[in-house]
């Protein structure tokens, strides 16, 4: 849920920034469009990096959880196995 809020806030901030920038831009339309395109590419690259980092983090957390669950399962099996032997 926090990721959705972050992305929504980011997009809203970008939209507001672009609108304000267009209204107070001291440059010609052509230069302004070039600047917007350049900054948009930078923003897209930044968002892509953030998403990739988040996916990597989630993958690591998921794998750690799976490993911990598997370890507990093996311990439980070994414990039951030892009780059966006795």
PDB file of N, CA and C in Angstrom:
ATOM      1  N   UNK A   1       0.820  -1.183   0.000  1.00  0.00           N
ATOM      2  CA  UNK A   1       0.000   0.000   0.000  1.00  0.00           C
ATOM      3  C   UNK A   1       0.871   1.256   0.000  1.00  0.00           C
ATOM      4  N   UNK A   2       1.964   1.247   0.710  1.00  0.00           N
ATOM      5  CA  UNK A   2       2.838   2.420   0.772  1.00  0.00           C
ATOM      6  C   UNK A   2       3.452   2.715  -0.587  1.00  0.00           C
ATOM      7  N   UNK A   3       3.746   1.696  -1.359  1.00  0.00           N
ATOM      8  CA  UNK A   3       4.336   1.889  -2.678  1.00  0.00           C
ATOM      9  C   UNK A   3       3.363   2.626  -3.583  1.00  0.00           C
ATOM     10  N   UNK A   4       2.081   2.274  -3.518  1.00  0.00           N
ATOM     11  CA  UNK A   4       1.082   2.959  -4.333  1.00  0.00           C
ATOM     12  C   UNK A   4       1.008   4.438  -3.961  1.00  0.00           C
ATOM     13  N   UNK A   5       1.061   4.711  -2.660  1.00  0.00           N
ATOM     14  CA  UNK A   5       1.020   6.108  -2.212  1.00  0.00           C
ATOM     15  C   UNK A   5       2.252   6.862  -2.686  1.00  0.00           C
ATOM     16  N   UNK A   6       3.413   6.202  -2.617  1.00  0.00           N
ATOM     17  CA  UNK A   6       4.661   6.832  -3.041  1.00  0.00           C
ATOM     18  C   UNK A   6       4.615   7.166  -4.524  1.00  0.00           C
ATOM     19  N   UNK A   7       4.205   6.213  -5.336  1.00  0.00           N
ATOM     20  CA  UNK A   7       4.155   6.430  -6.782  1.00  0.00           C
ATOM     21  C   UNK A   7       3.097   7.486  -7.117  1.00  0.00           C
ATOM     22  N   UNK A   8       1.949   7.419  -6.458  1.00  0.00           N
ATOM     23  CA  UNK A   8       0.904   8.427  -6.688  1.00  0.00           C
ATOM     24  C   UNK A   8       1.379   9.815  -6.325  1.00  0.00           C
ATOM     25  N   UNK A   9       2.043   9.934  -5.188  1.00  0.00           N
ATOM     26  CA  UNK A   9       2.576  11.229  -4.771  1.00  0.00           C
ATOM     27  C   UNK A   9       3.649  11.732  -5.719  1.00  0.00           C
ATOM     28  N   UNK A  10       4.479  10.809  -6.182  1.00  0.00           N
ATOM     29  CA  UNK A  10       5.537  11.164  -7.119  1.00  0.00           C
ATOM     30  C   UNK A  10       4.933  11.693  -8.420  1.00  0.00           C
ATOM     31  N   UNK A  11       3.948  10.988  -8.955  1.00  0.00           N
ATOM     32  CA  UNK A  11       3.317  11.418 -10.203  1.00  0.00           C
ATOM     33  C   UNK A  11       2.586  12.748 -10.030  1.00  0.00           C
ATOM     34  N   UNK A  12       1.915  12.928  -8.907  1.00  0.00           N
ATOM     35  CA  UNK A  12       1.233  14.195  -8.653  1.00  0.00           C
ATOM     36  C   UNK A  12       2.249  15.334  -8.565  1.00  0.00           C
ATOM     37  N   UNK A  13       3.351  15.091  -7.884  1.00  0.00           N
ATOM     38  CA  UNK A  13       4.391  16.110  -7.770  1.00  0.00           C
ATOM     39  C   UNK A  13       4.989  16.473  -9.114  1.00  0.00           C
ATOM     40  N   UNK A  14       5.190  15.464  -9.944  1.00  0.00           N
ATOM     41  CA  UNK A  14       5.735  15.716 -11.282  1.00  0.00           C
ATOM     42  C   UNK A  14       4.750  16.552 -12.094  1.00  0.00           C
ATOM     43  N   UNK A  15       3.479  16.188 -12.040  1.00  0.00           N
ATOM     44  CA  UNK A  15       2.467  16.922 -12.806  1.00  0.00           C
ATOM     45  C   UNK A  15       2.398  18.375 -12.360  1.00  0.00           C
ATOM     46  N   UNK A  16       2.415  18.606 -11.069  1.00  0.00           N
ATOM     47  CA  UNK A  16       2.365  19.971 -10.548  1.00  0.00           C
ATOM     48  C   UNK A  16       3.621  20.735 -10.955  1.00  0.00           C
ATOM     49  N   UNK A  17       4.753  20.073 -10.849  1.00  0.00           N
ATOM     50  CA  UNK A  17       6.011  20.720 -11.225  1.00  0.00           C
ATOM     51  C   UNK A  17       6.050  21.096 -12.697  1.00  0.00           C
ATOM     52  N   UNK A  18       5.567  20.209 -13.542  1.00  0.00           N
ATOM     53  CA  UNK A  18       5.539  20.499 -14.975  1.00  0.00           C
ATOM     54  C   UNK A  18       4.600  21.663 -15.255  1.00  0.00           C
ATOM     55  N   UNK A  19       3.429  21.646 -14.641  1.00  0.00           N
ATOM     56  CA  UNK A  19       2.462  22.721 -14.865  1.00  0.00           C
ATOM     57  C   UNK A  19       3.027  24.078 -14.430  1.00  0.00           C
ATOM     58  N   UNK A  20       3.610  24.121 -13.255  1.00  0.00           N
ATOM     59  CA  UNK A  20       4.188  25.382 -12.762  1.00  0.00           C
ATOM     60  C   UNK A  20       5.350  25.804 -13.653  1.00  0.00           C
ATOM     61  N   UNK A  21       6.165  24.838 -14.038  1.00  0.00           N
ATOM     62  CA  UNK A  21       7.300  25.152 -14.907  1.00  0.00           C
ATOM     63  C   UNK A  21       6.871  25.732 -16.239  1.00  0.00           C
ATOM     64  N   UNK A  22       5.804  25.192 -16.799  1.00  0.00           N
ATOM     65  CA  UNK A  22       5.311  25.723 -18.074  1.00  0.00           C
ATOM     66  C   UNK A  22       4.747  27.129 -17.928  1.00  0.00           C
ATOM     67  N   UNK A  23       4.116  27.378 -16.801  1.00  0.00           N
ATOM     68  CA  UNK A  23       3.512  28.691 -16.596  1.00  0.00           C
ATOM     69  C   UNK A  23       4.547  29.789 -16.372  1.00  0.00           C
ATOM     70  N   UNK A  24       5.658  29.464 -15.745  1.00  0.00           N
ATOM     71  CA  UNK A  24       6.639  30.501 -15.429  1.00  0.00           C
ATOM     72  C   UNK A  24       7.923  30.373 -16.248  1.00  0.00           C
ATOM     73  N   UNK A  25       7.885  29.541 -17.275  1.00  0.00           N
ATOM     74  CA  UNK A  25       9.087  29.281 -18.070  1.00  0.00           C
ATOM     75  C   UNK A  25       9.514  30.536 -18.842  1.00  0.00           C
ATOM     76  N   UNK A  26      10.776  30.939 -18.689  1.00  0.00           N
ATOM     77  CA  UNK A  26      11.272  32.100 -19.425  1.00  0.00           C
ATOM     78  C   UNK A  26      11.811  31.720 -20.811  1.00  0.00           C
ATOM     79  N   UNK A  27      11.725  30.471 -21.170  1.00  0.00           N
ATOM     80  CA  UNK A  27      12.278  29.998 -22.442  1.00  0.00           C
ATOM     81  C   UNK A  27      11.184  29.886 -23.500  1.00  0.00           C
ATOM     82  N   UNK A  28      11.639  29.646 -24.729  1.00  0.00           N
ATOM     83  CA  UNK A  28      10.689  29.417 -25.815  1.00  0.00           C
ATOM     84  C   UNK A  28      10.057  28.042 -25.653  1.00  0.00           C
ATOM     85  N   UNK A  29       8.989  27.817 -26.374  1.00  0.00           N
ATOM     86  CA  UNK A  29       8.296  26.532 -26.301  1.00  0.00           C
ATOM     87  C   UNK A  29       9.185  25.366 -26.696  1.00  0.00           C
ATOM     88  N   UNK A  30      10.004  25.562 -27.716  1.00  0.00           N
ATOM     89  CA  UNK A  30      10.888  24.489 -28.200  1.00  0.00           C
ATOM     90  C   UNK A  30      11.905  24.102 -27.119  1.00  0.00           C
ATOM     91  N   UNK A  31      12.514  25.095 -26.520  1.00  0.00           N
ATOM     92  CA  UNK A  31      13.488  24.823 -25.454  1.00  0.00           C
ATOM     93  C   UNK A  31      12.822  24.193 -24.235  1.00  0.00           C
ATOM     94  N   UNK A  32      11.633  24.680 -23.918  1.00  0.00           N
ATOM     95  CA  UNK A  32      10.900  24.130 -22.778  1.00  0.00           C
ATOM     96  C   UNK A  32      10.572  22.663 -23.023  1.00  0.00           C
ATOM     97  N   UNK A  33      10.111  22.333 -24.229  1.00  0.00           N
ATOM     98  CA  UNK A  33       9.796  20.939 -24.549  1.00  0.00           C
ATOM     99  C   UNK A  33      11.030  20.046 -24.463  1.00  0.00           C
ATOM    100  N   UNK A  34      12.160  20.551 -24.938  1.00  0.00           N
ATOM    101  CA  UNK A  34      13.410  19.767 -24.833  1.00  0.00           C
ATOM    102  C   UNK A  34      13.764  19.506 -23.373  1.00  0.00           C
ATOM    103  N   UNK A  35      13.639  20.558 -22.558  1.00  0.00           N
ATOM    104  CA  UNK A  35      13.944  20.423 -21.133  1.00  0.00           C
ATOM    105  C   UNK A  35      13.001  19.425 -20.474  1.00  0.00           C
ATOM    106  N   UNK A  36      11.713  19.521 -20.792  1.00  0.00           N
ATOM    107  CA  UNK A  36      10.741  18.587 -20.220  1.00  0.00           C
ATOM    108  C   UNK A  36      11.059  17.161 -20.644  1.00  0.00           C
ATOM    109  N   UNK A  37      11.389  16.975 -21.916  1.00  0.00           N
ATOM    110  CA  UNK A  37      11.712  15.630 -22.406  1.00  0.00           C
ATOM    111  C   UNK A  37      12.943  15.071 -21.705  1.00  0.00           C
ATOM    112  N   UNK A  38      13.962  15.898 -21.530  1.00  0.00           N
ATOM    113  CA  UNK A  38      15.184  15.450 -20.870  1.00  0.00           C
ATOM    114  C   UNK A  38      14.909  15.084 -19.416  1.00  0.00           C
ATOM    115  N   UNK A  39      14.185  15.935 -18.726  1.00  0.00           N
ATOM    116  CA  UNK A  39      13.888  15.667 -17.319  1.00  0.00           C
ATOM    117  C   UNK A  39      12.950  14.476 -17.168  1.00  0.00           C
ATOM    118  N   UNK A  40      12.057  14.299 -18.120  1.00  0.00           N
ATOM    119  CA  UNK A  40      11.157  13.141 -18.081  1.00  0.00           C
ATOM    120  C   UNK A  40      11.947  11.843 -18.224  1.00  0.00           C
ATOM    121  N   UNK A  41      12.924  11.839 -19.114  1.00  0.00           N
ATOM    122  CA  UNK A  41      13.768  10.640 -19.267  1.00  0.00           C
ATOM    123  C   UNK A  41      14.539  10.356 -17.979  1.00  0.00           C
ATOM    124  N   UNK A  42      15.054  11.413 -17.352  1.00  0.00           N
ATOM    125  CA  UNK A  42      15.765  11.227 -16.079  1.00  0.00           C
ATOM    126  C   UNK A  42      14.826  10.682 -15.002  1.00  0.00           C
ATOM    127  N   UNK A  43      13.621  11.243 -14.947  1.00  0.00           N
ATOM    128  CA  UNK A  43      12.637  10.786 -13.969  1.00  0.00           C
ATOM    129  C   UNK A  43      12.273   9.331 -14.218  1.00  0.00           C
ATOM    130  N   UNK A  44      12.045   8.979 -15.478  1.00  0.00           N
ATOM    131  CA  UNK A  44      11.698   7.597 -15.814  1.00  0.00           C
ATOM    132  C   UNK A  44      12.825   6.650 -15.415  1.00  0.00           C
ATOM    133  N   UNK A  45      14.061   7.051 -15.650  1.00  0.00           N
ATOM    134  CA  UNK A  45      15.200   6.205 -15.257  1.00  0.00           C
ATOM    135  C   UNK A  45      15.255   6.068 -13.741  1.00  0.00           C
ATOM    136  N   UNK A  46      14.995   7.166 -13.035  1.00  0.00           N
ATOM    137  CA  UNK A  46      15.000   7.116 -11.576  1.00  0.00           C
ATOM    138  C   UNK A  46      13.900   6.222 -11.028  1.00  0.00           C
ATOM    139  N   UNK A  47      12.700   6.330 -11.612  1.00  0.00           N
ATOM    140  CA  UNK A  47      11.583   5.483 -11.184  1.00  0.00           C
ATOM    141  C   UNK A  47      11.901   4.019 -11.472  1.00  0.00           C
ATOM    142  N   UNK A  48      12.477   3.766 -12.649  1.00  0.00           N
ATOM    143  CA  UNK A  48      12.852   2.390 -13.012  1.00  0.00           C
ATOM    144  C   UNK A  48      13.851   1.832 -12.002  1.00  0.00           C
ATOM    145  N   UNK A  49      14.850   2.619 -11.650  1.00  0.00           N
ATOM    146  CA  UNK A  49      15.840   2.170 -10.665  1.00  0.00           C
ATOM    147  C   UNK A  49      15.193   1.907  -9.314  1.00  0.00           C
ATOM    148  N   UNK A  50      14.295   2.803  -8.901  1.00  0.00           N
ATOM    149  CA  UNK A  50      13.610   2.633  -7.618  1.00  0.00           C
ATOM    150  C   UNK A  50      12.769   1.367  -7.612  1.00  0.00           C
ATOM    151  N   UNK A  51      12.038   1.134  -8.702  1.00  0.00           N
ATOM    152  CA  UNK A  51      11.205  -0.068  -8.800  1.00  0.00           C
ATOM    153  C   UNK A  51      12.080  -1.316  -8.778  1.00  0.00           C
ATOM    154  N   UNK A  52      13.176  -1.296  -9.537  1.00  0.00           N
ATOM    155  CA  UNK A  52      14.073  -2.456  -9.556  1.00  0.00           C
ATOM    156  C   UNK A  52      14.669  -2.718  -8.174  1.00  0.00           C
ATOM    157  N   UNK A  53      15.052  -1.651  -7.469  1.00  0.00           N
ATOM    158  CA  UNK A  53      15.583  -1.809  -6.112  1.00  0.00           C
ATOM    159  C   UNK A  53      14.521  -2.381  -5.174  1.00  0.00           C
ATOM    160  N   UNK A  54      13.282  -1.904  -5.330  1.00  0.00           N
ATOM    161  CA  UNK A  54      12.193  -2.415  -4.491  1.00  0.00           C
ATOM    162  C   UNK A  54      11.927  -3.887  -4.775  1.00  0.00           C
ATOM    163  N   UNK A  55      11.954  -4.258  -6.042  1.00  0.00           N
ATOM    164  CA  UNK A  55      11.742  -5.665  -6.413  1.00  0.00           C
ATOM    165  C   UNK A  55      12.852  -6.528  -5.840  1.00  0.00           C
ATOM    166  N   UNK A  56      14.089  -6.066  -5.942  1.00  0.00           N
ATOM    167  CA  UNK A  56      15.208  -6.825  -5.384  1.00  0.00           C
ATOM    168  C   UNK A  56      15.057  -6.983  -3.879  1.00  0.00           C
ATOM    169  N   UNK A  57      14.647  -5.921  -3.202  1.00  0.00           N
ATOM    170  CA  UNK A  57      14.455  -5.977  -1.757  1.00  0.00           C
ATOM    171  C   UNK A  57      13.344  -6.956  -1.392  1.00  0.00           C
ATOM    172  N   UNK A  58      12.231  -6.885  -2.115  1.00  0.00           N
ATOM    173  CA  UNK A  58      11.122  -7.813  -1.856  1.00  0.00           C
ATOM    174  C   UNK A  58      11.529  -9.255  -2.127  1.00  0.00           C
ATOM    175  N   UNK A  59      12.298  -9.452  -3.191  1.00  0.00           N
ATOM    176  CA  UNK A  59      12.770 -10.802  -3.524  1.00  0.00           C
ATOM    177  C   UNK A  59      13.650 -11.349  -2.400  1.00  0.00           C
ATOM    178  N   UNK A  60      14.535 -10.506  -1.888  1.00  0.00           N
ATOM    179  CA  UNK A  60      15.413 -10.920  -0.791  1.00  0.00           C
ATOM    180  C   UNK A  60      14.600 -11.263   0.452  1.00  0.00           C
ATOM    181  N   UNK A  61      13.629 -10.409   0.792  1.00  0.00           N
ATOM    182  CA  UNK A  61      12.785 -10.673   1.958  1.00  0.00           C
ATOM    183  C   UNK A  61      11.978 -11.952   1.774  1.00  0.00           C
ATOM    184  N   UNK A  62      11.440 -12.156   0.577  1.00  0.00           N
ATOM    185  CA  UNK A  62      10.652 -13.353   0.301  1.00  0.00           C
ATOM    186  C   UNK A  62      11.519 -14.602   0.437  1.00  0.00           C
ATOM    187  N   UNK A  63      12.704 -14.560  -0.163  1.00  0.00           N
ATOM    188  CA  UNK A  63      13.601 -15.717  -0.096  1.00  0.00           C
ATOM    189  C   UNK A  63      14.028 -16.007   1.340  1.00  0.00           C
ATOM    190  N   UNK A  64      14.251 -14.968   2.118  1.00  0.00           N
ATOM    191  CA  UNK A  64      14.612 -15.167   3.523  1.00  0.00           C
ATOM    192  C   UNK A  64      13.468 -15.824   4.276  1.00  0.00           C
ATOM    193  N   UNK A  65      12.250 -15.378   3.991  1.00  0.00           N
ATOM    194  CA  UNK A  65      11.079 -15.979   4.626  1.00  0.00           C
ATOM    195  C   UNK A  65      10.903 -17.431   4.239  1.00  0.00           C
ATOM    196  N   UNK A  66      11.103 -17.741   2.973  1.00  0.00           N
ATOM    197  CA  UNK A  66      10.995 -19.131   2.504  1.00  0.00           C
ATOM    198  C   UNK A  66      12.067 -19.988   3.174  1.00  0.00           C
ATOM    199  N   UNK A  67      13.291 -19.467   3.234  1.00  0.00           N
ATOM    200  CA  UNK A  67      14.379 -20.224   3.874  1.00  0.00           C
ATOM    201  C   UNK A  67      14.080 -20.481   5.348  1.00  0.00           C
ATOM    202  N   UNK A  68      13.582 -19.464   6.042  1.00  0.00           N
ATOM    203  CA  UNK A  68      13.269 -19.617   7.463  1.00  0.00           C
ATOM    204  C   UNK A  68      12.144 -20.628   7.663  1.00  0.00           C
ATOM    205  N   UNK A  69      11.137 -20.572   6.813  1.00  0.00           N
ATOM    206  CA  UNK A  69      10.019 -21.516   6.918  1.00  0.00           C
ATOM    207  C   UNK A  69      10.491 -22.934   6.636  1.00  0.00           C
ATOM    208  N   UNK A  70      11.331 -23.105   5.629  1.00  0.00           N
ATOM    209  CA  UNK A  70      11.866 -24.435   5.306  1.00  0.00           C
ATOM    210  C   UNK A  70      12.705 -24.965   6.461  1.00  0.00           C
ATOM    211  N   UNK A  71      13.498 -24.092   7.058  1.00  0.00           N
ATOM    212  CA  UNK A  71      14.343 -24.509   8.183  1.00  0.00           C
ATOM    213  C   UNK A  71      13.473 -24.958   9.365  1.00  0.00           C
ATOM    214  N   UNK A  72      12.441 -24.180   9.675  1.00  0.00           N
ATOM    215  CA  UNK A  72      11.547 -24.563  10.775  1.00  0.00           C
ATOM    216  C   UNK A  72      10.829 -25.878  10.469  1.00  0.00           C
ATOM    217  N   UNK A  73      10.443 -26.064   9.206  1.00  0.00           N
ATOM    218  CA  UNK A  73       9.791 -27.313   8.814  1.00  0.00           C
ATOM    219  C   UNK A  73      10.720 -28.505   8.979  1.00  0.00           C
ATOM    220  N   UNK A  74      11.957 -28.360   8.566  1.00  0.00           N
ATOM    221  CA  UNK A  74      12.935 -29.444   8.726  1.00  0.00           C
ATOM    222  C   UNK A  74      13.185 -29.747  10.196  1.00  0.00           C
ATOM    223  N   UNK A  75      13.265 -28.683  11.009  1.00  0.00           N
ATOM    224  CA  UNK A  75      13.464 -28.881  12.445  1.00  0.00           C
ATOM    225  C   UNK A  75      12.280 -29.625  13.055  1.00  0.00           C
ATOM    226  N   UNK A  76      11.072 -29.279  12.617  1.00  0.00           N
ATOM    227  CA  UNK A  76       9.880 -29.960  13.138  1.00  0.00           C
ATOM    228  C   UNK A  76       9.874 -31.428  12.715  1.00  0.00           C
ATOM    229  N   UNK A  77      10.244 -31.686  11.473  1.00  0.00           N
ATOM    230  CA  UNK A  77      10.301 -33.071  10.987  1.00  0.00           C
ATOM    231  C   UNK A  77      11.341 -33.856  11.770  1.00  0.00           C
ATOM    232  N   UNK A  78      12.501 -33.271  11.989  1.00  0.00           N
ATOM    233  CA  UNK A  78      13.554 -33.948  12.743  1.00  0.00           C
ATOM    234  C   UNK A  78      13.108 -34.215  14.183  1.00  0.00           C
ATOM    235  N   UNK A  79      12.415 -33.246  14.780  1.00  0.00           N
ATOM    236  CA  UNK A  79      11.935 -33.413  16.147  1.00  0.00           C
ATOM    237  C   UNK A  79      10.929 -34.556  16.238  1.00  0.00           C
ATOM    238  N   UNK A  80       9.988 -34.582  15.304  1.00  0.00           N
ATOM    239  CA  UNK A  80       8.987 -35.656  15.301  1.00  0.00           C
ATOM    240  C   UNK A  80       9.674 -37.004  15.027  1.00  0.00           C
ATOM    241  N   UNK A  81      10.630 -36.999  14.128  1.00  0.00           N
ATOM    242  CA  UNK A  81      11.355 -38.221  13.784  1.00  0.00           C
ATOM    243  C   UNK A  81      12.093 -38.773  15.017  1.00  0.00           C
ATOM    244  N   UNK A  82      12.699 -37.876  15.786  1.00  0.00           N
ATOM    245  CA  UNK A  82      13.414 -38.307  16.994  1.00  0.00           C
ATOM    246  C   UNK A  82      12.444 -38.866  18.030  1.00  0.00           C
ATOM    247  N   UNK A  83      11.274 -38.266  18.157  1.00  0.00           N
ATOM    248  CA  UNK A  83      10.280 -38.758  19.112  1.00  0.00           C
ATOM    249  C   UNK A  83       9.759 -40.130  18.707  1.00  0.00           C
ATOM    250  N   UNK A  84       9.624 -40.344  17.410  1.00  0.00           N
ATOM    251  CA  UNK A  84       9.131 -41.638  16.940  1.00  0.00           C
ATOM    252  C   UNK A  84      10.148 -42.734  17.197  1.00  0.00           C
ATOM    253  N   UNK A  85      11.426 -42.438  17.072  1.00  0.00           N
ATOM    254  CA  UNK A  85      12.494 -43.425  17.276  1.00  0.00           C
ATOM    255  C   UNK A  85      12.553 -43.887  18.725  1.00  0.00           C
ATOM    256  N   UNK A  86      12.206 -43.040  19.652  1.00  0.00           N
ATOM    257  CA  UNK A  86      12.332 -43.353  21.065  1.00  0.00           C
ATOM    258  C   UNK A  86      11.223 -44.192  21.537  1.00  0.00           C
TER     259      UNK A  86
END
